[in-house]
Amino acid sequence: MAKETIGFGFNPEESEHHFLVIIPRSPNAKVIVYERFAWQYDKEVQEIDIKRDIPKVELTKHKWKLIEDALKTEFNERLKKINYQ
């Protein structure tokens, strides 16, 4: 039976450490990647806690679009390696 995961194979029951990517609707707003160490089980949509969540990178939407597909491929390849070990 497959484990239920979120995004690129994230399972908060295994580890709450994860990265959360915020992609705003506005074309001029920045894409921000946060490193987080806690999962909010009581929230349907995760909320950023500016005291605990660490912004790691901020990108323009244009730059995000340039790397988005490569990131998806890389993350999926890493997951395949982990799942086959």
PDB file of N, CA and C in Angstrom:
ATOM      1  N   MET A   1       0.839  -1.179   0.000  1.00  0.00           N
ATOM      2  CA  MET A   1       0.000   0.000   0.000  1.00  0.00           C
ATOM      3  C   MET A   1       0.886   1.245   0.000  1.00  0.00           C
ATOM      4  N   ALA A   2       0.615   2.176  -0.897  1.00  0.00           N
ATOM      5  CA  ALA A   2       1.425   3.387  -1.004  1.00  0.00           C
ATOM      6  C   ALA A   2       1.123   4.336   0.149  1.00  0.00           C
ATOM      7  N   LYS A   3       2.173   5.025   0.604  1.00  0.00           N
ATOM      8  CA  LYS A   3       2.007   6.025   1.645  1.00  0.00           C
ATOM      9  C   LYS A   3       1.391   7.275   1.041  1.00  0.00           C
ATOM     10  N   GLU A   4       0.531   7.926   1.797  1.00  0.00           N
ATOM     11  CA  GLU A   4      -0.056   9.171   1.327  1.00  0.00           C
ATOM     12  C   GLU A   4       0.954  10.301   1.516  1.00  0.00           C
ATOM     13  N   THR A   5       1.223  11.008   0.439  1.00  0.00           N
ATOM     14  CA  THR A   5       2.207  12.079   0.496  1.00  0.00           C
ATOM     15  C   THR A   5       1.627  13.368  -0.074  1.00  0.00           C
ATOM     16  N   ILE A   6       2.350  14.447   0.165  1.00  0.00           N
ATOM     17  CA  ILE A   6       1.966  15.781  -0.295  1.00  0.00           C
ATOM     18  C   ILE A   6       3.082  16.297  -1.189  1.00  0.00           C
ATOM     19  N   GLY A   7       2.726  16.948  -2.277  1.00  0.00           N
ATOM     20  CA  GLY A   7       3.750  17.558  -3.137  1.00  0.00           C
ATOM     21  C   GLY A   7       4.722  16.529  -3.677  1.00  0.00           C
ATOM     22  N   PHE A   8       6.000  16.757  -3.456  1.00  0.00           N
ATOM     23  CA  PHE A   8       7.045  15.875  -3.955  1.00  0.00           C
ATOM     24  C   PHE A   8       7.380  14.788  -2.941  1.00  0.00           C
ATOM     25  N   GLY A   9       6.379  14.065  -2.497  1.00  0.00           N
ATOM     26  CA  GLY A   9       6.615  12.928  -1.615  1.00  0.00           C
ATOM     27  C   GLY A   9       6.748  13.276  -0.155  1.00  0.00           C
ATOM     28  N   PHE A  10       6.308  14.441   0.257  1.00  0.00           N
ATOM     29  CA  PHE A  10       6.408  14.834   1.661  1.00  0.00           C
ATOM     30  C   PHE A  10       5.366  14.113   2.487  1.00  0.00           C
ATOM     31  N   ASN A  11       5.808  13.525   3.595  1.00  0.00           N
ATOM     32  CA  ASN A  11       4.919  12.854   4.533  1.00  0.00           C
ATOM     33  C   ASN A  11       5.225  13.404   5.927  1.00  0.00           C
ATOM     34  N   PRO A  12       4.374  14.276   6.468  1.00  0.00           N
ATOM     35  CA  PRO A  12       4.658  14.891   7.769  1.00  0.00           C
ATOM     36  C   PRO A  12       4.730  13.891   8.911  1.00  0.00           C
ATOM     37  N   GLU A  13       4.193  12.687   8.727  1.00  0.00           N
ATOM     38  CA  GLU A  13       4.290  11.673   9.773  1.00  0.00           C
ATOM     39  C   GLU A  13       5.699  11.091   9.864  1.00  0.00           C
ATOM     40  N   GLU A  14       6.478  11.182   8.783  1.00  0.00           N
ATOM     41  CA  GLU A  14       7.857  10.694   8.788  1.00  0.00           C
ATOM     42  C   GLU A  14       8.813  11.761   9.311  1.00  0.00           C
ATOM     43  N   SER A  15       8.598  13.001   8.892  1.00  0.00           N
ATOM     44  CA  SER A  15       9.422  14.134   9.318  1.00  0.00           C
ATOM     45  C   SER A  15       8.652  15.401   9.001  1.00  0.00           C
ATOM     46  N   GLU A  16       8.620  16.325   9.930  1.00  0.00           N
ATOM     47  CA  GLU A  16       7.901  17.570   9.692  1.00  0.00           C
ATOM     48  C   GLU A  16       8.768  18.606   8.973  1.00  0.00           C
ATOM     49  N   HIS A  17      10.053  18.322   8.805  1.00  0.00           N
ATOM     50  CA  HIS A  17      10.958  19.234   8.099  1.00  0.00           C
ATOM     51  C   HIS A  17      10.636  19.203   6.616  1.00  0.00           C
ATOM     52  N   HIS A  18      10.396  20.381   6.039  1.00  0.00           N
ATOM     53  CA  HIS A  18      10.044  20.444   4.622  1.00  0.00           C
ATOM     54  C   HIS A  18      10.282  21.848   4.083  1.00  0.00           C
ATOM     55  N   PHE A  19      10.140  21.983   2.785  1.00  0.00           N
ATOM     56  CA  PHE A  19      10.205  23.277   2.124  1.00  0.00           C
ATOM     57  C   PHE A  19       8.826  23.575   1.560  1.00  0.00           C
ATOM     58  N   LEU A  20       8.391  24.809   1.745  1.00  0.00           N
ATOM     59  CA  LEU A  20       7.084  25.239   1.262  1.00  0.00           C
ATOM     60  C   LEU A  20       7.299  26.363   0.260  1.00  0.00           C
ATOM     61  N   VAL A  21       6.771  26.176  -0.937  1.00  0.00           N
ATOM     62  CA  VAL A  21       6.916  27.176  -2.002  1.00  0.00           C
ATOM     63  C   VAL A  21       5.616  27.953  -2.102  1.00  0.00           C
ATOM     64  N   ILE A  22       5.724  29.258  -1.973  1.00  0.00           N
ATOM     65  CA  ILE A  22       4.570  30.140  -2.103  1.00  0.00           C
ATOM     66  C   ILE A  22       4.644  30.783  -3.484  1.00  0.00           C
ATOM     67  N   ILE A  23       3.662  30.465  -4.322  1.00  0.00           N
ATOM     68  CA  ILE A  23       3.598  31.020  -5.682  1.00  0.00           C
ATOM     69  C   ILE A  23       2.352  31.904  -5.748  1.00  0.00           C
ATOM     70  N   PRO A  24       2.531  33.213  -5.629  1.00  0.00           N
ATOM     71  CA  PRO A  24       1.379  34.110  -5.634  1.00  0.00           C
ATOM     72  C   PRO A  24       0.735  34.223  -7.016  1.00  0.00           C
ATOM     73  N   ARG A  25      -0.517  34.620  -7.037  1.00  0.00           N
ATOM     74  CA  ARG A  25      -1.236  34.779  -8.300  1.00  0.00           C
ATOM     75  C   ARG A  25      -0.760  35.998  -9.081  1.00  0.00           C
ATOM     76  N   SER A  26      -0.391  37.042  -8.387  1.00  0.00           N
ATOM     77  CA  SER A  26       0.029  38.276  -9.045  1.00  0.00           C
ATOM     78  C   SER A  26       1.297  38.050  -9.860  1.00  0.00           C
ATOM     79  N   PRO A  27       1.332  38.497 -11.106  1.00  0.00           N
ATOM     80  CA  PRO A  27       2.518  38.278 -11.938  1.00  0.00           C
ATOM     81  C   PRO A  27       3.748  39.055 -11.458  1.00  0.00           C
ATOM     82  N   ASN A  28       3.547  40.089 -10.671  1.00  0.00           N
ATOM     83  CA  ASN A  28       4.678  40.891 -10.192  1.00  0.00           C
ATOM     84  C   ASN A  28       5.157  40.498  -8.798  1.00  0.00           C
ATOM     85  N   ALA A  29       4.430  39.622  -8.126  1.00  0.00           N
ATOM     86  CA  ALA A  29       4.820  39.196  -6.781  1.00  0.00           C
ATOM     87  C   ALA A  29       5.936  38.156  -6.868  1.00  0.00           C
ATOM     88  N   LYS A  30       6.711  38.051  -5.811  1.00  0.00           N
ATOM     89  CA  LYS A  30       7.847  37.126  -5.766  1.00  0.00           C
ATOM     90  C   LYS A  30       7.406  35.726  -5.319  1.00  0.00           C
ATOM     91  N   VAL A  31       8.073  34.722  -5.858  1.00  0.00           N
ATOM     92  CA  VAL A  31       7.926  33.341  -5.395  1.00  0.00           C
ATOM     93  C   VAL A  31       8.911  33.183  -4.241  1.00  0.00           C
ATOM     94  N   ILE A  32       8.447  32.659  -3.116  1.00  0.00           N
ATOM     95  CA  ILE A  32       9.307  32.512  -1.948  1.00  0.00           C
ATOM     96  C   ILE A  32       9.307  31.052  -1.509  1.00  0.00           C
ATOM     97  N   VAL A  33      10.507  30.533  -1.235  1.00  0.00           N
ATOM     98  CA  VAL A  33      10.666  29.169  -0.733  1.00  0.00           C
ATOM     99  C   VAL A  33      11.057  29.268   0.739  1.00  0.00           C
ATOM    100  N   TYR A  34      10.256  28.636   1.597  1.00  0.00           N
ATOM    101  CA  TYR A  34      10.499  28.639   3.033  1.00  0.00           C
ATOM    102  C   TYR A  34      10.965  27.269   3.493  1.00  0.00           C
ATOM    103  N   GLU A  35      11.892  27.250   4.432  1.00  0.00           N
ATOM    104  CA  GLU A  35      12.256  26.016   5.123  1.00  0.00           C
ATOM    105  C   GLU A  35      11.454  25.995   6.411  1.00  0.00           C
ATOM    106  N   ARG A  36      10.771  24.875   6.625  1.00  0.00           N
ATOM    107  CA  ARG A  36       9.896  24.760   7.788  1.00  0.00           C
ATOM    108  C   ARG A  36      10.226  23.496   8.571  1.00  0.00           C
ATOM    109  N   PHE A  37      10.027  23.560   9.883  1.00  0.00           N
ATOM    110  CA  PHE A  37      10.349  22.441  10.759  1.00  0.00           C
ATOM    111  C   PHE A  37       9.127  21.901  11.499  1.00  0.00           C
ATOM    112  N   ALA A  38       7.958  22.427  11.168  1.00  0.00           N
ATOM    113  CA  ALA A  38       6.727  21.958  11.812  1.00  0.00           C
ATOM    114  C   ALA A  38       5.608  21.930  10.784  1.00  0.00           C
ATOM    115  N   TRP A  39       4.750  20.947  10.921  1.00  0.00           N
ATOM    116  CA  TRP A  39       3.589  20.826  10.054  1.00  0.00           C
ATOM    117  C   TRP A  39       2.356  21.199  10.876  1.00  0.00           C
ATOM    118  N   GLN A  40       1.478  21.987  10.309  1.00  0.00           N
ATOM    119  CA  GLN A  40       0.265  22.427  11.000  1.00  0.00           C
ATOM    120  C   GLN A  40      -0.856  21.445  10.667  1.00  0.00           C
ATOM    121  N   TYR A  41      -0.977  20.416  11.499  1.00  0.00           N
ATOM    122  CA  TYR A  41      -1.971  19.367  11.259  1.00  0.00           C
ATOM    123  C   TYR A  41      -3.393  19.900  11.313  1.00  0.00           C
ATOM    124  N   ASP A  42      -3.616  20.961  12.059  1.00  0.00           N
ATOM    125  CA  ASP A  42      -4.958  21.502  12.228  1.00  0.00           C
ATOM    126  C   ASP A  42      -5.361  22.481  11.123  1.00  0.00           C
ATOM    127  N   LYS A  43      -4.486  22.692  10.137  1.00  0.00           N
ATOM    128  CA  LYS A  43      -4.756  23.653   9.061  1.00  0.00           C
ATOM    129  C   LYS A  43      -4.943  22.915   7.742  1.00  0.00           C
ATOM    130  N   GLU A  44      -5.963  23.290   6.999  1.00  0.00           N
ATOM    131  CA  GLU A  44      -6.146  22.729   5.664  1.00  0.00           C
ATOM    132  C   GLU A  44      -5.107  23.302   4.708  1.00  0.00           C
ATOM    133  N   VAL A  45      -4.807  24.594   4.884  1.00  0.00           N
ATOM    134  CA  VAL A  45      -3.769  25.271   4.110  1.00  0.00           C
ATOM    135  C   VAL A  45      -2.710  25.742   5.089  1.00  0.00           C
ATOM    136  N   GLN A  46      -1.469  25.385   4.835  1.00  0.00           N
ATOM    137  CA  GLN A  46      -0.380  25.772   5.718  1.00  0.00           C
ATOM    138  C   GLN A  46      -0.204  27.286   5.729  1.00  0.00           C
ATOM    139  N   GLU A  47       0.113  27.839   6.896  1.00  0.00           N
ATOM    140  CA  GLU A  47       0.333  29.268   7.043  1.00  0.00           C
ATOM    141  C   GLU A  47       1.770  29.521   7.480  1.00  0.00           C
ATOM    142  N   ILE A  48       2.369  30.550   6.915  1.00  0.00           N
ATOM    143  CA  ILE A  48       3.743  30.906   7.271  1.00  0.00           C
ATOM    144  C   ILE A  48       3.758  31.547   8.650  1.00  0.00           C
ATOM    145  N   ASP A  49       4.671  31.091   9.485  1.00  0.00           N
ATOM    146  CA  ASP A  49       4.913  31.674  10.801  1.00  0.00           C
ATOM    147  C   ASP A  49       6.234  32.424  10.692  1.00  0.00           C
ATOM    148  N   ILE A  50       6.179  33.756  10.636  1.00  0.00           N
ATOM    149  CA  ILE A  50       7.402  34.537  10.382  1.00  0.00           C
ATOM    150  C   ILE A  50       8.424  34.413  11.501  1.00  0.00           C
ATOM    151  N   LYS A  51       8.026  33.905  12.661  1.00  0.00           N
ATOM    152  CA  LYS A  51       8.972  33.721  13.765  1.00  0.00           C
ATOM    153  C   LYS A  51       9.743  32.409  13.640  1.00  0.00           C
ATOM    154  N   ARG A  52       9.139  31.417  12.952  1.00  0.00           N
ATOM    155  CA  ARG A  52       9.769  30.086  12.882  1.00  0.00           C
ATOM    156  C   ARG A  52      10.171  29.655  11.487  1.00  0.00           C
ATOM    157  N   ASP A  53       9.407  30.055  10.485  1.00  0.00           N
ATOM    158  CA  ASP A  53       9.673  29.616   9.117  1.00  0.00           C
ATOM    159  C   ASP A  53      10.746  30.507   8.496  1.00  0.00           C
ATOM    160  N   ILE A  54      11.702  29.870   7.833  1.00  0.00           N
ATOM    161  CA  ILE A  54      12.877  30.579   7.328  1.00  0.00           C
ATOM    162  C   ILE A  54      12.781  30.756   5.811  1.00  0.00           C
ATOM    163  N   PRO A  55      12.707  32.010   5.324  1.00  0.00           N
ATOM    164  CA  PRO A  55      12.716  32.202   3.872  1.00  0.00           C
ATOM    165  C   PRO A  55      14.108  31.879   3.336  1.00  0.00           C
ATOM    166  N   LYS A  56      14.179  30.972   2.370  1.00  0.00           N
ATOM    167  CA  LYS A  56      15.472  30.535   1.832  1.00  0.00           C
ATOM    168  C   LYS A  56      15.815  31.214   0.518  1.00  0.00           C
ATOM    169  N   VAL A  57      14.789  31.477  -0.300  1.00  0.00           N
ATOM    170  CA  VAL A  57      15.047  32.107  -1.594  1.00  0.00           C
ATOM    171  C   VAL A  57      13.793  32.866  -2.024  1.00  0.00           C
ATOM    172  N   GLU A  58      14.033  33.967  -2.713  1.00  0.00           N
ATOM    173  CA  GLU A  58      12.953  34.778  -3.272  1.00  0.00           C
ATOM    174  C   GLU A  58      13.281  35.000  -4.740  1.00  0.00           C
ATOM    175  N   LEU A  59      12.331  34.657  -5.605  1.00  0.00           N
ATOM    176  CA  LEU A  59      12.558  34.735  -7.042  1.00  0.00           C
ATOM    177  C   LEU A  59      11.437  35.497  -7.730  1.00  0.00           C
ATOM    178  N   THR A  60      11.764  36.113  -8.850  1.00  0.00           N
ATOM    179  CA  THR A  60      10.711  36.683  -9.678  1.00  0.00           C
ATOM    180  C   THR A  60       9.956  35.521 -10.310  1.00  0.00           C
ATOM    181  N   LYS A  61       8.736  35.783 -10.738  1.00  0.00           N
ATOM    182  CA  LYS A  61       7.956  34.738 -11.404  1.00  0.00           C
ATOM    183  C   LYS A  61       8.667  34.268 -12.675  1.00  0.00           C
ATOM    184  N   HIS A  62       9.315  35.204 -13.367  1.00  0.00           N
ATOM    185  CA  HIS A  62      10.036  34.853 -14.584  1.00  0.00           C
ATOM    186  C   HIS A  62      11.139  33.826 -14.274  1.00  0.00           C
ATOM    187  N   LYS A  63      11.937  34.083 -13.250  1.00  0.00           N
ATOM    188  CA  LYS A  63      13.003  33.141 -12.887  1.00  0.00           C
ATOM    189  C   LYS A  63      12.434  31.811 -12.421  1.00  0.00           C
ATOM    190  N   TRP A  64      11.332  31.863 -11.662  1.00  0.00           N
ATOM    191  CA  TRP A  64      10.706  30.629 -11.206  1.00  0.00           C
ATOM    192  C   TRP A  64      10.282  29.764 -12.387  1.00  0.00           C
ATOM    193  N   LYS A  65       9.659  30.387 -13.383  1.00  0.00           N
ATOM    194  CA  LYS A  65       9.214  29.645 -14.564  1.00  0.00           C
ATOM    195  C   LYS A  65      10.390  29.005 -15.300  1.00  0.00           C
ATOM    196  N   LEU A  66      11.554  29.662 -15.274  1.00  0.00           N
ATOM    197  CA  LEU A  66      12.732  29.120 -15.954  1.00  0.00           C
ATOM    198  C   LEU A  66      13.257  27.846 -15.283  1.00  0.00           C
ATOM    199  N   ILE A  67      13.093  27.729 -13.976  1.00  0.00           N
ATOM    200  CA  ILE A  67      13.646  26.570 -13.255  1.00  0.00           C
ATOM    201  C   ILE A  67      12.600  25.565 -12.803  1.00  0.00           C
ATOM    202  N   GLU A  68      11.338  25.913 -12.912  1.00  0.00           N
ATOM    203  CA  GLU A  68      10.257  25.089 -12.379  1.00  0.00           C
ATOM    204  C   GLU A  68      10.296  23.644 -12.886  1.00  0.00           C
ATOM    205  N   ASP A  69      10.389  23.442 -14.180  1.00  0.00           N
ATOM    206  CA  ASP A  69      10.388  22.080 -14.720  1.00  0.00           C
ATOM    207  C   ASP A  69      11.617  21.293 -14.296  1.00  0.00           C
ATOM    208  N   ALA A  70      12.769  21.956 -14.289  1.00  0.00           N
ATOM    209  CA  ALA A  70      13.995  21.276 -13.861  1.00  0.00           C
ATOM    210  C   ALA A  70      13.902  20.862 -12.392  1.00  0.00           C
ATOM    211  N   LEU A  71      13.312  21.707 -11.563  1.00  0.00           N
ATOM    212  CA  LEU A  71      13.136  21.357 -10.146  1.00  0.00           C
ATOM    213  C   LEU A  71      12.204  20.167  -9.982  1.00  0.00           C
ATOM    214  N   LYS A  72      11.100  20.163 -10.691  1.00  0.00           N
ATOM    215  CA  LYS A  72      10.171  19.035 -10.611  1.00  0.00           C
ATOM    216  C   LYS A  72      10.871  17.729 -10.987  1.00  0.00           C
ATOM    217  N   THR A  73      11.630  17.768 -12.065  1.00  0.00           N
ATOM    218  CA  THR A  73      12.357  16.582 -12.507  1.00  0.00           C
ATOM    219  C   THR A  73      13.356  16.139 -11.450  1.00  0.00           C
ATOM    220  N   GLU A  74      14.126  17.074 -10.919  1.00  0.00           N
ATOM    221  CA  GLU A  74      15.137  16.748  -9.903  1.00  0.00           C
ATOM    222  C   GLU A  74      14.492  16.171  -8.650  1.00  0.00           C
ATOM    223  N   PHE A  75      13.442  16.801  -8.164  1.00  0.00           N
ATOM    224  CA  PHE A  75      12.782  16.306  -6.962  1.00  0.00           C
ATOM    225  C   PHE A  75      12.215  14.906  -7.185  1.00  0.00           C
ATOM    226  N   ASN A  76      11.600  14.677  -8.331  1.00  0.00           N
ATOM    227  CA  ASN A  76      11.042  13.360  -8.616  1.00  0.00           C
ATOM    228  C   ASN A  76      12.131  12.301  -8.744  1.00  0.00           C
ATOM    229  N   GLU A  77      13.255  12.645  -9.346  1.00  0.00           N
ATOM    230  CA  GLU A  77      14.368  11.696  -9.453  1.00  0.00           C
ATOM    231  C   GLU A  77      14.918  11.341  -8.071  1.00  0.00           C
ATOM    232  N   ARG A  78      15.045  12.330  -7.211  1.00  0.00           N
ATOM    233  CA  ARG A  78      15.513  12.061  -5.839  1.00  0.00           C
ATOM    234  C   ARG A  78      14.553  11.129  -5.113  1.00  0.00           C
ATOM    235  N   LEU A  79      13.250  11.354  -5.294  1.00  0.00           N
ATOM    236  CA  LEU A  79      12.272  10.484  -4.652  1.00  0.00           C
ATOM    237  C   LEU A  79      12.356   9.057  -5.171  1.00  0.00           C
ATOM    238  N   LYS A  80      12.553   8.904  -6.465  1.00  0.00           N
ATOM    239  CA  LYS A  80      12.682   7.555  -7.026  1.00  0.00           C
ATOM    240  C   LYS A  80      13.872   6.835  -6.429  1.00  0.00           C
ATOM    241  N   LYS A  81      14.996   7.530  -6.275  1.00  0.00           N
ATOM    242  CA  LYS A  81      16.189   6.922  -5.671  1.00  0.00           C
ATOM    243  C   LYS A  81      15.927   6.509  -4.228  1.00  0.00           C
ATOM    244  N   ILE A  82      15.258   7.376  -3.470  1.00  0.00           N
ATOM    245  CA  ILE A  82      14.953   7.075  -2.077  1.00  0.00           C
ATOM    246  C   ILE A  82      14.017   5.874  -1.993  1.00  0.00           C
ATOM    247  N   ASN A  83      13.012   5.819  -2.844  1.00  0.00           N
ATOM    248  CA  ASN A  83      12.022   4.743  -2.795  1.00  0.00           C
ATOM    249  C   ASN A  83      12.575   3.400  -3.248  1.00  0.00           C
ATOM    250  N   TYR A  84      13.648   3.397  -4.025  1.00  0.00           N
ATOM    251  CA  TYR A  84      14.236   2.140  -4.503  1.00  0.00           C
ATOM    252  C   TYR A  84      15.388   1.660  -3.632  1.00  0.00           C
ATOM    253  N   GLN A  85      15.720   2.396  -2.594  1.00  0.00           N
ATOM    254  CA  GLN A  85      16.830   1.969  -1.725  1.00  0.00           C
ATOM    255  C   GLN A  85      16.350   1.041  -0.646  1.00  0.00           C
TER     256      GLN A  85
END
